[in-house]
Amino acid sequence: MRLSDLQHKDIVNVIDGKNIGNIIDVKIDEEKGNIVSLIIEPNKNFFSFFNKGSDTEIYWDSITKIGEDVILVKITL
C-alpha cells in the first residue's frame, strides 16, 4: 500500500464515530523503516473556519482497522 492510497481514506474514530480528518503526512522510524504515526489535518467545517485547529498525530498502534475506504482509529481527543 502506498501513502497516496492512505491519503484518500476517511479517518474515523471508533469511540464516537466522527470523521477526524485527512492524512497530510506520516512519521517514519528511520532505523526500522516502519510508520510510527499519521499526521491528520482536522476537517474543514464552518466552525473550524474561525478556530484554526492544530494537526493531530495518531500513533500506528491506535489504528484498529484499515479498510477499503476508511481507517478506523481508537483515540480520545
C-alpha atoms as a PDB file:
ATOM      1  CA  MET A   1       0.000   0.000   0.000  1.00  0.00           C
ATOM      2  CA  ARG A   2       1.227   3.480  -0.845  1.00  0.00           C
ATOM      3  CA  LEU A   3       0.914   6.674   1.157  1.00  0.00           C
ATOM      4  CA  SER A   4      -1.262   8.096  -1.612  1.00  0.00           C
ATOM      5  CA  ASP A   5      -3.684   5.178  -1.053  1.00  0.00           C
ATOM      6  CA  LEU A   6      -3.928   6.040   2.652  1.00  0.00           C
ATOM      7  CA  GLN A   7      -4.455   9.746   1.976  1.00  0.00           C
ATOM      8  CA  HIS A   8      -7.733   9.084   0.159  1.00  0.00           C
ATOM      9  CA  LYS A   9      -9.307   7.213   3.072  1.00  0.00           C
ATOM     10  CA  ASP A  10     -11.532   8.767   5.739  1.00  0.00           C
ATOM     11  CA  ILE A  11     -10.170   8.601   9.294  1.00  0.00           C
ATOM     12  CA  VAL A  12     -12.973   7.623  11.691  1.00  0.00           C
ATOM     13  CA  ASN A  13     -12.726   7.379  15.473  1.00  0.00           C
ATOM     14  CA  VAL A  14     -14.462   4.208  16.718  1.00  0.00           C
ATOM     15  CA  ILE A  15     -15.102   5.815  20.115  1.00  0.00           C
ATOM     16  CA  ASP A  16     -17.528   8.463  18.844  1.00  0.00           C
ATOM     17  CA  GLY A  17     -17.949   7.618  15.136  1.00  0.00           C
ATOM     18  CA  LYS A  18     -16.703  11.033  13.994  1.00  0.00           C
ATOM     19  CA  ASN A  19     -14.620  11.646  10.896  1.00  0.00           C
ATOM     20  CA  ILE A  20     -11.366  13.096  12.227  1.00  0.00           C
ATOM     21  CA  GLY A  21      -9.804  14.471   9.072  1.00  0.00           C
ATOM     22  CA  ASN A  22      -7.343  13.691   6.300  1.00  0.00           C
ATOM     23  CA  ILE A  23      -3.814  12.311   6.354  1.00  0.00           C
ATOM     24  CA  ILE A  24      -1.337  15.011   5.409  1.00  0.00           C
ATOM     25  CA  ASP A  25       1.903  13.333   6.492  1.00  0.00           C
ATOM     26  CA  VAL A  26       3.443  10.326   8.231  1.00  0.00           C
ATOM     27  CA  LYS A  27       6.269   9.882  10.723  1.00  0.00           C
ATOM     28  CA  ILE A  28       8.664   7.043   9.973  1.00  0.00           C
ATOM     29  CA  ASP A  29      11.163   5.303  12.243  1.00  0.00           C
ATOM     30  CA  GLU A  30      14.350   5.897  10.272  1.00  0.00           C
ATOM     31  CA  GLU A  31      16.170   2.887  11.736  1.00  0.00           C
ATOM     32  CA  LYS A  32      13.408   0.312  11.211  1.00  0.00           C
ATOM     33  CA  GLY A  33      11.587   1.899   8.268  1.00  0.00           C
ATOM     34  CA  ASN A  34       8.188   1.499   9.983  1.00  0.00           C
ATOM     35  CA  ILE A  35       5.391   4.043  10.102  1.00  0.00           C
ATOM     36  CA  VAL A  36       5.240   5.482  13.642  1.00  0.00           C
ATOM     37  CA  SER A  37       2.230   7.766  13.270  1.00  0.00           C
ATOM     38  CA  LEU A  38      -0.129   9.510  10.886  1.00  0.00           C
ATOM     39  CA  ILE A  39      -0.438  13.296  10.887  1.00  0.00           C
ATOM     40  CA  ILE A  40      -4.060  14.330  10.408  1.00  0.00           C
ATOM     41  CA  GLU A  41      -5.346  17.695   9.254  1.00  0.00           C
ATOM     42  CA  PRO A  42      -8.636  18.456  11.026  1.00  0.00           C
ATOM     43  CA  ASN A  43     -11.849  18.503   8.981  1.00  0.00           C
ATOM     44  CA  LYS A  44     -12.756  21.850   7.496  1.00  0.00           C
ATOM     45  CA  ASN A  45     -16.202  22.976   8.540  1.00  0.00           C
ATOM     46  CA  PHE A  46     -17.940  26.229   9.398  1.00  0.00           C
ATOM     47  CA  PHE A  47     -16.680  26.327  12.988  1.00  0.00           C
ATOM     48  CA  SER A  48     -13.074  25.440  12.154  1.00  0.00           C
ATOM     49  CA  PHE A  49     -13.011  28.382   9.724  1.00  0.00           C
ATOM     50  CA  PHE A  50     -12.945  30.706  12.740  1.00  0.00           C
ATOM     51  CA  ASN A  51     -10.938  28.400  15.003  1.00  0.00           C
ATOM     52  CA  LYS A  52      -7.890  27.051  13.244  1.00  0.00           C
ATOM     53  CA  GLY A  53      -7.232  23.665  14.837  1.00  0.00           C
ATOM     54  CA  SER A  54      -3.855  22.098  15.028  1.00  0.00           C
ATOM     55  CA  ASP A  55      -2.862  18.895  13.305  1.00  0.00           C
ATOM     56  CA  THR A  56      -3.462  15.627  15.166  1.00  0.00           C
ATOM     57  CA  GLU A  57      -0.901  12.849  15.475  1.00  0.00           C
ATOM     58  CA  ILE A  58      -2.332   9.329  15.526  1.00  0.00           C
ATOM     59  CA  TYR A  59       0.115   6.624  16.538  1.00  0.00           C
ATOM     60  CA  TRP A  60       0.181   3.477  14.431  1.00  0.00           C
ATOM     61  CA  ASP A  61      -0.856   1.265  17.372  1.00  0.00           C
ATOM     62  CA  SER A  62      -4.089   3.326  17.685  1.00  0.00           C
ATOM     63  CA  ILE A  63      -5.260   2.088  14.277  1.00  0.00           C
ATOM     64  CA  THR A  64      -7.774  -0.725  14.670  1.00  0.00           C
ATOM     65  CA  LYS A  65      -8.553  -1.436  11.002  1.00  0.00           C
ATOM     66  CA  ILE A  66      -7.619  -0.214   7.534  1.00  0.00           C
ATOM     67  CA  GLY A  67     -10.494  -0.820   5.173  1.00  0.00           C
ATOM     68  CA  GLU A  68     -11.113  -0.088   1.508  1.00  0.00           C
ATOM     69  CA  ASP A  69     -12.462   3.432   2.148  1.00  0.00           C
ATOM     70  CA  VAL A  70     -11.907   4.036   5.876  1.00  0.00           C
ATOM     71  CA  ILE A  71      -9.192   3.866   8.511  1.00  0.00           C
ATOM     72  CA  LEU A  72     -10.658   3.140  11.952  1.00  0.00           C
ATOM     73  CA  VAL A  73      -8.762   4.505  14.922  1.00  0.00           C
ATOM     74  CA  LYS A  74      -9.364   4.424  18.663  1.00  0.00           C
ATOM     75  CA  ILE A  75      -8.286   7.708  20.264  1.00  0.00           C
ATOM     76  CA  THR A  76      -9.610  10.214  22.772  1.00  0.00           C
ATOM     77  CA  LEU A  77      -9.428  13.808  21.606  1.00  0.00           C
END
